[in-house]
PDB file of all heavy atoms in Angstrom:
ATOM      1  N   VAL A   1       0.857  -1.184   0.000  1.00  0.00           N
ATOM      2  CA  VAL A   1       0.000   0.000   0.000  1.00  0.00           C
ATOM      3  C   VAL A   1       0.891   1.231   0.000  1.00  0.00           C
ATOM      4  O   VAL A   1       2.049   1.163   0.413  1.00  0.00           O
ATOM      5  CB  VAL A   1      -0.954   0.018   1.221  1.00  0.00           C
ATOM      6  CG1 VAL A   1      -1.937  -1.138   1.160  1.00  0.00           C
ATOM      7  CG2 VAL A   1      -0.184  -0.001   2.518  1.00  0.00           C
ATOM      8  N   PRO A   2       0.391   2.368  -0.464  1.00  0.00           N
ATOM      9  CA  PRO A   2       1.221   3.584  -0.502  1.00  0.00           C
ATOM     10  C   PRO A   2       1.712   3.982   0.882  1.00  0.00           C
ATOM     11  O   PRO A   2       0.956   3.991   1.845  1.00  0.00           O
ATOM     12  CB  PRO A   2       0.265   4.642  -1.059  1.00  0.00           C
ATOM     13  CG  PRO A   2      -0.754   3.868  -1.806  1.00  0.00           C
ATOM     14  CD  PRO A   2      -0.919   2.583  -1.057  1.00  0.00           C
ATOM     15  N   ARG A   3       3.022   4.304   0.957  1.00  0.00           N
ATOM     16  CA  ARG A   3       3.616   4.746   2.217  1.00  0.00           C
ATOM     17  C   ARG A   3       4.463   5.991   2.055  1.00  0.00           C
ATOM     18  O   ARG A   3       4.831   6.603   3.029  1.00  0.00           O
ATOM     19  CB  ARG A   3       4.503   3.638   2.787  1.00  0.00           C
ATOM     20  CG  ARG A   3       3.756   2.453   3.291  1.00  0.00           C
ATOM     21  CD  ARG A   3       4.684   1.593   4.136  1.00  0.00           C
ATOM     22  NE  ARG A   3       4.021   0.384   4.530  1.00  0.00           N
ATOM     23  CZ  ARG A   3       4.293  -0.803   4.028  1.00  0.00           C
ATOM     24  NH1 ARG A   3       5.224  -0.951   3.119  1.00  0.00           N
ATOM     25  NH2 ARG A   3       3.641  -1.859   4.440  1.00  0.00           N
ATOM     26  N   GLY A   4       4.838   6.329   0.841  1.00  0.00           N
ATOM     27  CA  GLY A   4       5.742   7.454   0.623  1.00  0.00           C
ATOM     28  C   GLY A   4       5.088   8.557  -0.179  1.00  0.00           C
ATOM     29  O   GLY A   4       3.887   8.540  -0.440  1.00  0.00           O
ATOM     30  N   ARG A   5       5.895   9.500  -0.587  1.00  0.00           N
ATOM     31  CA  ARG A   5       5.429  10.629  -1.392  1.00  0.00           C
ATOM     32  C   ARG A   5       5.079  10.123  -2.790  1.00  0.00           C
ATOM     33  O   ARG A   5       5.913   9.563  -3.486  1.00  0.00           O
ATOM     34  CB  ARG A   5       6.529  11.677  -1.461  1.00  0.00           C
ATOM     35  CG  ARG A   5       6.181  12.861  -2.334  1.00  0.00           C
ATOM     36  CD  ARG A   5       7.328  13.817  -2.400  1.00  0.00           C
ATOM     37  NE  ARG A   5       7.370  14.571  -1.158  1.00  0.00           N
ATOM     38  CZ  ARG A   5       8.223  15.547  -0.930  1.00  0.00           C
ATOM     39  NH1 ARG A   5       9.125  15.861  -1.812  1.00  0.00           N
ATOM     40  NH2 ARG A   5       8.190  16.202   0.189  1.00  0.00           N
ATOM     41  N   LEU A   6       3.852  10.338  -3.211  1.00  0.00           N
ATOM     42  CA  LEU A   6       3.382   9.836  -4.505  1.00  0.00           C
ATOM     43  C   LEU A   6       3.533  10.850  -5.626  1.00  0.00           C
ATOM     44  O   LEU A   6       3.362  10.503  -6.791  1.00  0.00           O
ATOM     45  CB  LEU A   6       1.920   9.396  -4.410  1.00  0.00           C
ATOM     46  CG  LEU A   6       1.639   8.229  -3.470  1.00  0.00           C
ATOM     47  CD1 LEU A   6       0.153   7.892  -3.475  1.00  0.00           C
ATOM     48  CD2 LEU A   6       2.473   7.022  -3.833  1.00  0.00           C
ATOM     49  N   PHE A   7       3.835  12.099  -5.286  1.00  0.00           N
ATOM     50  CA  PHE A   7       4.066  13.112  -6.319  1.00  0.00           C
ATOM     51  C   PHE A   7       4.974  14.196  -5.778  1.00  0.00           C
ATOM     52  O   PHE A   7       5.062  14.401  -4.569  1.00  0.00           O
ATOM     53  CB  PHE A   7       2.745  13.704  -6.835  1.00  0.00           C
ATOM     54  CG  PHE A   7       1.952  14.460  -5.800  1.00  0.00           C
ATOM     55  CD1 PHE A   7       2.042  15.845  -5.723  1.00  0.00           C
ATOM     56  CD2 PHE A   7       1.110  13.810  -4.921  1.00  0.00           C
ATOM     57  CE1 PHE A   7       1.300  16.557  -4.785  1.00  0.00           C
ATOM     58  CE2 PHE A   7       0.361  14.511  -3.978  1.00  0.00           C
ATOM     59  CZ  PHE A   7       0.463  15.882  -3.909  1.00  0.00           C
ATOM     60  N   ALA A   8       5.664  14.870  -6.698  1.00  0.00           N
ATOM     61  CA  ALA A   8       6.568  15.960  -6.325  1.00  0.00           C
ATOM     62  C   ALA A   8       6.579  16.975  -7.462  1.00  0.00           C
ATOM     63  O   ALA A   8       6.466  16.611  -8.636  1.00  0.00           O
ATOM     64  CB  ALA A   8       7.969  15.436  -6.074  1.00  0.00           C
ATOM     65  N   PHE A   9       6.717  18.241  -7.114  1.00  0.00           N
ATOM     66  CA  PHE A   9       6.685  19.332  -8.096  1.00  0.00           C
ATOM     67  C   PHE A   9       8.086  19.793  -8.468  1.00  0.00           C
ATOM     68  O   PHE A   9       9.020  19.672  -7.674  1.00  0.00           O
ATOM     69  CB  PHE A   9       5.918  20.535  -7.536  1.00  0.00           C
ATOM     70  CG  PHE A   9       4.467  20.271  -7.318  1.00  0.00           C
ATOM     71  CD1 PHE A   9       3.965  20.104  -6.043  1.00  0.00           C
ATOM     72  CD2 PHE A   9       3.591  20.190  -8.395  1.00  0.00           C
ATOM     73  CE1 PHE A   9       2.612  19.854  -5.830  1.00  0.00           C
ATOM     74  CE2 PHE A   9       2.253  19.941  -8.192  1.00  0.00           C
ATOM     75  CZ  PHE A   9       1.763  19.775  -6.910  1.00  0.00           C
ATOM     76  N   ASP A  10       8.188  20.393  -9.669  1.00  0.00           N
ATOM     77  CA  ASP A  10       9.424  21.083 -10.039  1.00  0.00           C
ATOM     78  C   ASP A  10       9.500  22.390  -9.259  1.00  0.00           C
ATOM     79  O   ASP A  10       8.581  22.730  -8.506  1.00  0.00           O
ATOM     80  CB  ASP A  10       9.475  21.320 -11.556  1.00  0.00           C
ATOM     81  CG  ASP A  10       8.496  22.379 -12.027  1.00  0.00           C
ATOM     82  OD1 ASP A  10       7.346  22.423 -11.522  1.00  0.00           O
ATOM     83  OD2 ASP A  10       8.855  23.174 -12.901  1.00  0.00           O
ATOM     84  N   SER A  11      10.572  23.139  -9.427  1.00  0.00           N
ATOM     85  CA  SER A  11      10.804  24.334  -8.601  1.00  0.00           C
ATOM     86  C   SER A  11       9.776  25.433  -8.817  1.00  0.00           C
ATOM     87  O   SER A  11       9.576  26.268  -7.943  1.00  0.00           O
ATOM     88  CB  SER A  11      12.202  24.889  -8.862  1.00  0.00           C
ATOM     89  OG  SER A  11      12.311  25.327 -10.205  1.00  0.00           O
ATOM     90  N   GLU A  12       9.114  25.460  -9.968  1.00  0.00           N
ATOM     91  CA  GLU A  12       8.143  26.531 -10.239  1.00  0.00           C
ATOM     92  C   GLU A  12       6.701  26.038 -10.237  1.00  0.00           C
ATOM     93  O   GLU A  12       5.780  26.803 -10.516  1.00  0.00           O
ATOM     94  CB  GLU A  12       8.482  27.193 -11.574  1.00  0.00           C
ATOM     95  CG  GLU A  12       9.840  27.885 -11.524  1.00  0.00           C
ATOM     96  CD  GLU A  12      10.249  28.451 -12.868  1.00  0.00           C
ATOM     97  OE1 GLU A  12       9.539  28.224 -13.871  1.00  0.00           O
ATOM     98  OE2 GLU A  12      11.296  29.111 -12.908  1.00  0.00           O
ATOM     99  N   GLY A  13       6.493  24.775  -9.952  1.00  0.00           N
ATOM    100  CA  GLY A  13       5.136  24.250  -9.855  1.00  0.00           C
ATOM    101  C   GLY A  13       4.421  24.061 -11.171  1.00  0.00           C
ATOM    102  O   GLY A  13       3.195  23.976 -11.195  1.00  0.00           O
ATOM    103  N   HIS A  14       5.160  23.966 -12.284  1.00  0.00           N
ATOM    104  CA  HIS A  14       4.526  23.764 -13.590  1.00  0.00           C
ATOM    105  C   HIS A  14       4.446  22.295 -13.971  1.00  0.00           C
ATOM    106  O   HIS A  14       3.663  21.915 -14.841  1.00  0.00           O
ATOM    107  CB  HIS A  14       5.288  24.512 -14.687  1.00  0.00           C
ATOM    108  CG  HIS A  14       5.327  25.989 -14.485  1.00  0.00           C
ATOM    109  ND1 HIS A  14       4.192  26.759 -14.355  1.00  0.00           N
ATOM    110  CD2 HIS A  14       6.369  26.848 -14.372  1.00  0.00           C
ATOM    111  CE1 HIS A  14       4.534  28.027 -14.189  1.00  0.00           C
ATOM    112  NE2 HIS A  14       5.856  28.110 -14.181  1.00  0.00           N
ATOM    113  N   TYR A  15       5.275  21.473 -13.350  1.00  0.00           N
ATOM    114  CA  TYR A  15       5.337  20.053 -13.673  1.00  0.00           C
ATOM    115  C   TYR A  15       5.260  19.233 -12.396  1.00  0.00           C
ATOM    116  O   TYR A  15       5.660  19.695 -11.326  1.00  0.00           O
ATOM    117  CB  TYR A  15       6.648  19.723 -14.409  1.00  0.00           C
ATOM    118  CG  TYR A  15       6.743  20.400 -15.748  1.00  0.00           C
ATOM    119  CD1 TYR A  15       7.307  21.669 -15.859  1.00  0.00           C
ATOM    120  CD2 TYR A  15       6.248  19.790 -16.902  1.00  0.00           C
ATOM    121  CE1 TYR A  15       7.379  22.309 -17.089  1.00  0.00           C
ATOM    122  CE2 TYR A  15       6.317  20.428 -18.133  1.00  0.00           C
ATOM    123  CZ  TYR A  15       6.887  21.684 -18.219  1.00  0.00           C
ATOM    124  OH  TYR A  15       6.948  22.319 -19.439  1.00  0.00           O
ATOM    125  N   VAL A  16       4.749  18.020 -12.522  1.00  0.00           N
ATOM    126  CA  VAL A  16       4.633  17.122 -11.376  1.00  0.00           C
ATOM    127  C   VAL A  16       5.137  15.735 -11.779  1.00  0.00           C
ATOM    128  O   VAL A  16       4.865  15.258 -12.877  1.00  0.00           O
ATOM    129  CB  VAL A  16       3.181  17.078 -10.835  1.00  0.00           C
ATOM    130  CG1 VAL A  16       2.206  16.527 -11.860  1.00  0.00           C
ATOM    131  CG2 VAL A  16       3.097  16.298  -9.539  1.00  0.00           C
ATOM    132  N   LEU A  17       5.915  15.138 -10.885  1.00  0.00           N
ATOM    133  CA  LEU A  17       6.453  13.800 -11.071  1.00  0.00           C
ATOM    134  C   LEU A  17       5.584  12.824 -10.292  1.00  0.00           C
ATOM    135  O   LEU A  17       5.298  13.047  -9.120  1.00  0.00           O
ATOM    136  CB  LEU A  17       7.899  13.750 -10.554  1.00  0.00           C
ATOM    137  CG  LEU A  17       8.603  12.398 -10.489  1.00  0.00           C
ATOM    138  CD1 LEU A  17       8.776  11.796 -11.886  1.00  0.00           C
ATOM    139  CD2 LEU A  17       9.952  12.548  -9.791  1.00  0.00           C
ATOM    140  N   THR A  18       5.155  11.738 -10.955  1.00  0.00           N
ATOM    141  CA  THR A  18       4.327  10.723 -10.296  1.00  0.00           C
ATOM    142  C   THR A  18       4.962   9.342 -10.465  1.00  0.00           C
ATOM    143  O   THR A  18       5.860   9.151 -11.271  1.00  0.00           O
ATOM    144  CB  THR A  18       2.903  10.687 -10.874  1.00  0.00           C
ATOM    145  OG1 THR A  18       2.955  10.285 -12.249  1.00  0.00           O
ATOM    146  CG2 THR A  18       2.213  12.037 -10.747  1.00  0.00           C
ATOM    147  N   CYS A  19       4.447   8.392  -9.724  1.00  0.00           N
ATOM    148  CA  CYS A  19       4.886   7.002  -9.800  1.00  0.00           C
ATOM    149  C   CYS A  19       4.262   6.320 -11.015  1.00  0.00           C
ATOM    150  O   CYS A  19       3.244   6.756 -11.530  1.00  0.00           O
ATOM    151  CB  CYS A  19       4.441   6.239  -8.549  1.00  0.00           C
ATOM    152  SG  CYS A  19       5.051   6.901  -6.996  1.00  0.00           S
ATOM    153  N   SER A  20       4.884   5.207 -11.442  1.00  0.00           N
ATOM    154  CA  SER A  20       4.280   4.331 -12.445  1.00  0.00           C
ATOM    155  C   SER A  20       4.860   2.937 -12.276  1.00  0.00           C
ATOM    156  O   SER A  20       5.729   2.717 -11.439  1.00  0.00           O
ATOM    157  CB  SER A  20       4.511   4.848 -13.868  1.00  0.00           C
ATOM    158  OG  SER A  20       5.787   4.502 -14.338  1.00  0.00           O
ATOM    159  N   SER A  21       4.407   2.002 -13.093  1.00  0.00           N
ATOM    160  CA  SER A  21       4.813   0.609 -12.927  1.00  0.00           C
ATOM    161  C   SER A  21       6.267   0.349 -13.335  1.00  0.00           C
ATOM    162  O   SER A  21       6.846  -0.646 -12.937  1.00  0.00           O
ATOM    163  CB  SER A  21       3.891  -0.310 -13.724  1.00  0.00           C
ATOM    164  OG  SER A  21       3.921   0.048 -15.092  1.00  0.00           O
ATOM    165  N   SER A  22       6.877   1.262 -14.104  1.00  0.00           N
ATOM    166  CA  SER A  22       8.251   1.013 -14.555  1.00  0.00           C
ATOM    167  C   SER A  22       9.174   2.219 -14.401  1.00  0.00           C
ATOM    168  O   SER A  22      10.281   2.222 -14.917  1.00  0.00           O
ATOM    169  CB  SER A  22       8.249   0.578 -16.024  1.00  0.00           C
ATOM    170  OG  SER A  22       7.691   1.601 -16.819  1.00  0.00           O
ATOM    171  N   GLY A  23       8.724   3.260 -13.711  1.00  0.00           N
ATOM    172  CA  GLY A  23       9.546   4.448 -13.521  1.00  0.00           C
ATOM    173  C   GLY A  23       8.700   5.604 -13.044  1.00  0.00           C
ATOM    174  O   GLY A  23       7.613   5.422 -12.522  1.00  0.00           O
ATOM    175  N   GLY A  24       9.207   6.811 -13.234  1.00  0.00           N
ATOM    176  CA  GLY A  24       8.441   8.006 -12.915  1.00  0.00           C
ATOM    177  C   GLY A  24       7.906   8.621 -14.192  1.00  0.00           C
ATOM    178  O   GLY A  24       8.433   8.384 -15.273  1.00  0.00           O
ATOM    179  N   ILE A  25       6.844   9.396 -14.063  1.00  0.00           N
ATOM    180  CA  ILE A  25       6.291  10.121 -15.210  1.00  0.00           C
ATOM    181  C   ILE A  25       6.180  11.596 -14.833  1.00  0.00           C
ATOM    182  O   ILE A  25       5.621  11.923 -13.777  1.00  0.00           O
ATOM    183  CB  ILE A  25       4.915   9.586 -15.631  1.00  0.00           C
ATOM    184  CG1 ILE A  25       5.024   8.116 -16.046  1.00  0.00           C
ATOM    185  CG2 ILE A  25       4.346  10.426 -16.774  1.00  0.00           C
ATOM    186  CD1 ILE A  25       3.704   7.483 -16.407  1.00  0.00           C
ATOM    187  N   ILE A  26       6.736  12.458 -15.673  1.00  0.00           N
ATOM    188  CA  ILE A  26       6.602  13.902 -15.471  1.00  0.00           C
ATOM    189  C   ILE A  26       5.409  14.380 -16.298  1.00  0.00           C
ATOM    190  O   ILE A  26       5.304  14.083 -17.488  1.00  0.00           O
ATOM    191  CB  ILE A  26       7.885  14.646 -15.883  1.00  0.00           C
ATOM    192  CG1 ILE A  26       9.037  14.235 -14.962  1.00  0.00           C
ATOM    193  CG2 ILE A  26       7.667  16.158 -15.842  1.00  0.00           C
ATOM    194  CD1 ILE A  26      10.374  14.832 -15.319  1.00  0.00           C
ATOM    195  N   HIS A  27       4.512  15.104 -15.629  1.00  0.00           N
ATOM    196  CA  HIS A  27       3.308  15.639 -16.261  1.00  0.00           C
ATOM    197  C   HIS A  27       3.357  17.157 -16.217  1.00  0.00           C
ATOM    198  O   HIS A  27       3.868  17.736 -15.259  1.00  0.00           O
ATOM    199  CB  HIS A  27       2.048  15.213 -15.497  1.00  0.00           C
ATOM    200  CG  HIS A  27       1.902  13.748 -15.314  1.00  0.00           C
ATOM    201  ND1 HIS A  27       1.192  12.960 -16.170  1.00  0.00           N
ATOM    202  CD2 HIS A  27       2.366  12.922 -14.339  1.00  0.00           C
ATOM    203  CE1 HIS A  27       1.222  11.708 -15.740  1.00  0.00           C
ATOM    204  NE2 HIS A  27       1.931  11.667 -14.624  1.00  0.00           N
ATOM    205  N   LYS A  28       2.788  17.791 -17.212  1.00  0.00           N
ATOM    206  CA  LYS A  28       2.589  19.243 -17.205  1.00  0.00           C
ATOM    207  C   LYS A  28       1.253  19.506 -16.524  1.00  0.00           C
ATOM    208  O   LYS A  28       0.262  18.858 -16.827  1.00  0.00           O
ATOM    209  CB  LYS A  28       2.589  19.805 -18.619  1.00  0.00           C
ATOM    210  CG  LYS A  28       2.474  21.318 -18.656  1.00  0.00           C
ATOM    211  CD  LYS A  28       2.714  21.823 -20.073  1.00  0.00           C
ATOM    212  CE  LYS A  28       2.577  23.309 -20.188  1.00  0.00           C
ATOM    213  NZ  LYS A  28       3.421  24.086 -19.314  1.00  0.00           N
ATOM    214  N   LEU A  29       1.247  20.433 -15.577  1.00  0.00           N
ATOM    215  CA  LEU A  29       0.003  20.800 -14.911  1.00  0.00           C
ATOM    216  C   LEU A  29      -0.789  21.728 -15.820  1.00  0.00           C
ATOM    217  O   LEU A  29      -0.303  22.798 -16.197  1.00  0.00           O
ATOM    218  CB  LEU A  29       0.279  21.502 -13.582  1.00  0.00           C
ATOM    219  CG  LEU A  29       0.764  20.620 -12.448  1.00  0.00           C
ATOM    220  CD1 LEU A  29       1.141  21.479 -11.246  1.00  0.00           C
ATOM    221  CD2 LEU A  29      -0.298  19.623 -12.053  1.00  0.00           C
ATOM    222  N   THR A  30      -1.974  21.327 -16.172  1.00  0.00           N
ATOM    223  CA  THR A  30      -2.854  22.158 -16.998  1.00  0.00           C
ATOM    224  C   THR A  30      -4.191  22.257 -16.280  1.00  0.00           C
ATOM    225  O   THR A  30      -5.118  21.519 -16.574  1.00  0.00           O
ATOM    226  CB  THR A  30      -3.039  21.563 -18.406  1.00  0.00           C
ATOM    227  OG1 THR A  30      -3.498  20.214 -18.271  1.00  0.00           O
ATOM    228  CG2 THR A  30      -1.746  21.563 -19.192  1.00  0.00           C
ATOM    229  N   ASN A  31      -4.271  23.155 -15.314  1.00  0.00           N
ATOM    230  CA  ASN A  31      -5.461  23.265 -14.476  1.00  0.00           C
ATOM    231  C   ASN A  31      -6.712  23.647 -15.258  1.00  0.00           C
ATOM    232  O   ASN A  31      -7.809  23.251 -14.909  1.00  0.00           O
ATOM    233  CB  ASN A  31      -5.236  24.277 -13.350  1.00  0.00           C
ATOM    234  CG  ASN A  31      -4.270  23.743 -12.315  1.00  0.00           C
ATOM    235  OD1 ASN A  31      -4.066  22.542 -12.223  1.00  0.00           O
ATOM    236  ND2 ASN A  31      -3.672  24.631 -11.554  1.00  0.00           N
ATOM    237  N   SER A  32      -6.544  24.421 -16.321  1.00  0.00           N
ATOM    238  CA  SER A  32      -7.717  24.849 -17.074  1.00  0.00           C
ATOM    239  C   SER A  32      -8.439  23.654 -17.679  1.00  0.00           C
ATOM    240  O   SER A  32      -9.652  23.629 -17.774  1.00  0.00           O
ATOM    241  CB  SER A  32      -7.326  25.836 -18.166  1.00  0.00           C
ATOM    242  OG  SER A  32      -6.385  25.243 -19.037  1.00  0.00           O
ATOM    243  N   GLU A  33      -7.675  22.626 -18.075  1.00  0.00           N
ATOM    244  CA  GLU A  33      -8.286  21.442 -18.668  1.00  0.00           C
ATOM    245  C   GLU A  33      -8.510  20.350 -17.623  1.00  0.00           C
ATOM    246  O   GLU A  33      -9.121  19.330 -17.910  1.00  0.00           O
ATOM    247  CB  GLU A  33      -7.384  20.899 -19.785  1.00  0.00           C
ATOM    248  CG  GLU A  33      -7.174  21.892 -20.906  1.00  0.00           C
ATOM    249  CD  GLU A  33      -6.054  21.452 -21.836  1.00  0.00           C
ATOM    250  OE1 GLU A  33      -5.742  20.252 -21.885  1.00  0.00           O
ATOM    251  OE2 GLU A  33      -5.501  22.319 -22.513  1.00  0.00           O
ATOM    252  N   GLN A  34      -8.025  20.574 -16.407  1.00  0.00           N
ATOM    253  CA  GLN A  34      -8.143  19.645 -15.308  1.00  0.00           C
ATOM    254  C   GLN A  34      -7.624  18.252 -15.666  1.00  0.00           C
ATOM    255  O   GLN A  34      -8.259  17.239 -15.366  1.00  0.00           O
ATOM    256  CB  GLN A  34      -9.584  19.591 -14.801  1.00  0.00           C
ATOM    257  CG  GLN A  34     -10.033  20.934 -14.271  1.00  0.00           C
ATOM    258  CD  GLN A  34     -11.366  20.874 -13.573  1.00  0.00           C
ATOM    259  OE1 GLN A  34     -11.975  19.847 -13.470  1.00  0.00           O
ATOM    260  NE2 GLN A  34     -11.819  22.007 -13.085  1.00  0.00           N
ATOM    261  N   ILE A  35      -6.480  18.228 -16.329  1.00  0.00           N
ATOM    262  CA  ILE A  35      -5.818  16.962 -16.643  1.00  0.00           C
ATOM    263  C   ILE A  35      -4.338  17.096 -16.353  1.00  0.00           C
ATOM    264  O   ILE A  35      -3.811  18.191 -16.258  1.00  0.00           O
ATOM    265  CB  ILE A  35      -6.013  16.545 -18.127  1.00  0.00           C
ATOM    266  CG1 ILE A  35      -5.422  17.606 -19.061  1.00  0.00           C
ATOM    267  CG2 ILE A  35      -7.455  16.264 -18.434  1.00  0.00           C
ATOM    268  CD1 ILE A  35      -5.295  17.151 -20.490  1.00  0.00           C
ATOM    269  N   LEU A  36      -3.708  15.953 -16.216  1.00  0.00           N
ATOM    270  CA  LEU A  36      -2.255  15.908 -16.138  1.00  0.00           C
ATOM    271  C   LEU A  36      -1.781  15.403 -17.484  1.00  0.00           C
ATOM    272  O   LEU A  36      -2.118  14.298 -17.892  1.00  0.00           O
ATOM    273  CB  LEU A  36      -1.797  14.958 -15.031  1.00  0.00           C
ATOM    274  CG  LEU A  36      -2.020  15.412 -13.606  1.00  0.00           C
ATOM    275  CD1 LEU A  36      -1.574  14.331 -12.630  1.00  0.00           C
ATOM    276  CD2 LEU A  36      -1.255  16.692 -13.330  1.00  0.00           C
ATOM    277  N   GLU A  37      -1.007  16.217 -18.171  1.00  0.00           N
ATOM    278  CA  GLU A  37      -0.523  15.875 -19.505  1.00  0.00           C
ATOM    279  C   GLU A  37       0.867  15.259 -19.407  1.00  0.00           C
ATOM    280  O   GLU A  37       1.829  15.930 -19.043  1.00  0.00           O
ATOM    281  CB  GLU A  37      -0.475  17.156 -20.342  1.00  0.00           C
ATOM    282  CG  GLU A  37       0.045  16.987 -21.728  1.00  0.00           C
ATOM    283  CD  GLU A  37       0.170  18.338 -22.423  1.00  0.00           C
ATOM    284  OE1 GLU A  37      -0.692  19.205 -22.216  1.00  0.00           O
ATOM    285  OE2 GLU A  37       1.146  18.505 -23.164  1.00  0.00           O
ATOM    286  N   PRO A  38       1.000  13.930 -19.689  1.00  0.00           N
ATOM    287  CA  PRO A  38       2.327  13.296 -19.610  1.00  0.00           C
ATOM    288  C   PRO A  38       3.304  13.935 -20.595  1.00  0.00           C
ATOM    289  O   PRO A  38       2.978  14.149 -21.753  1.00  0.00           O
ATOM    290  CB  PRO A  38       2.060  11.839 -19.983  1.00  0.00           C
ATOM    291  CG  PRO A  38       0.592  11.652 -19.868  1.00  0.00           C
ATOM    292  CD  PRO A  38      -0.031  12.993 -20.101  1.00  0.00           C
ATOM    293  N   CYS A  39       4.505  14.282 -20.109  1.00  0.00           N
ATOM    294  CA  CYS A  39       5.525  14.924 -20.941  1.00  0.00           C
ATOM    295  C   CYS A  39       6.757  14.053 -21.127  1.00  0.00           C
ATOM    296  O   CYS A  39       7.347  14.039 -22.195  1.00  0.00           O
ATOM    297  CB  CYS A  39       5.993  16.239 -20.313  1.00  0.00           C
ATOM    298  SG  CYS A  39       4.744  17.467 -20.174  1.00  0.00           S
ATOM    299  N   LEU A  40       7.175  13.375 -20.064  1.00  0.00           N
ATOM    300  CA  LEU A  40       8.429  12.641 -20.094  1.00  0.00           C
ATOM    301  C   LEU A  40       8.340  11.430 -19.176  1.00  0.00           C
ATOM    302  O   LEU A  40       7.905  11.546 -18.035  1.00  0.00           O
ATOM    303  CB  LEU A  40       9.574  13.552 -19.637  1.00  0.00           C
ATOM    304  CG  LEU A  40      10.992  12.996 -19.651  1.00  0.00           C
ATOM    305  CD1 LEU A  40      11.423  12.621 -21.062  1.00  0.00           C
ATOM    306  CD2 LEU A  40      11.952  14.018 -19.055  1.00  0.00           C
ATOM    307  N   SER A  41       8.747  10.283 -19.691  1.00  0.00           N
ATOM    308  CA  SER A  41       8.770   9.067 -18.894  1.00  0.00           C
ATOM    309  C   SER A  41      10.199   8.814 -18.433  1.00  0.00           C
ATOM    310  O   SER A  41      11.127   8.825 -19.236  1.00  0.00           O
ATOM    311  CB  SER A  41       8.259   7.895 -19.735  1.00  0.00           C
ATOM    312  OG  SER A  41       8.317   6.711 -18.978  1.00  0.00           O
TER     313      SER A  41
END
């Protein structure tokens, strides 16, 4: 079960790093569309 930090932001809060089954995924925060847009695996 989750025990650690599941997400972390870049220094300016524009991108968020999340967990995945084979690594981390960096997403662009797009609040207007209310989605996380994957940018880099």
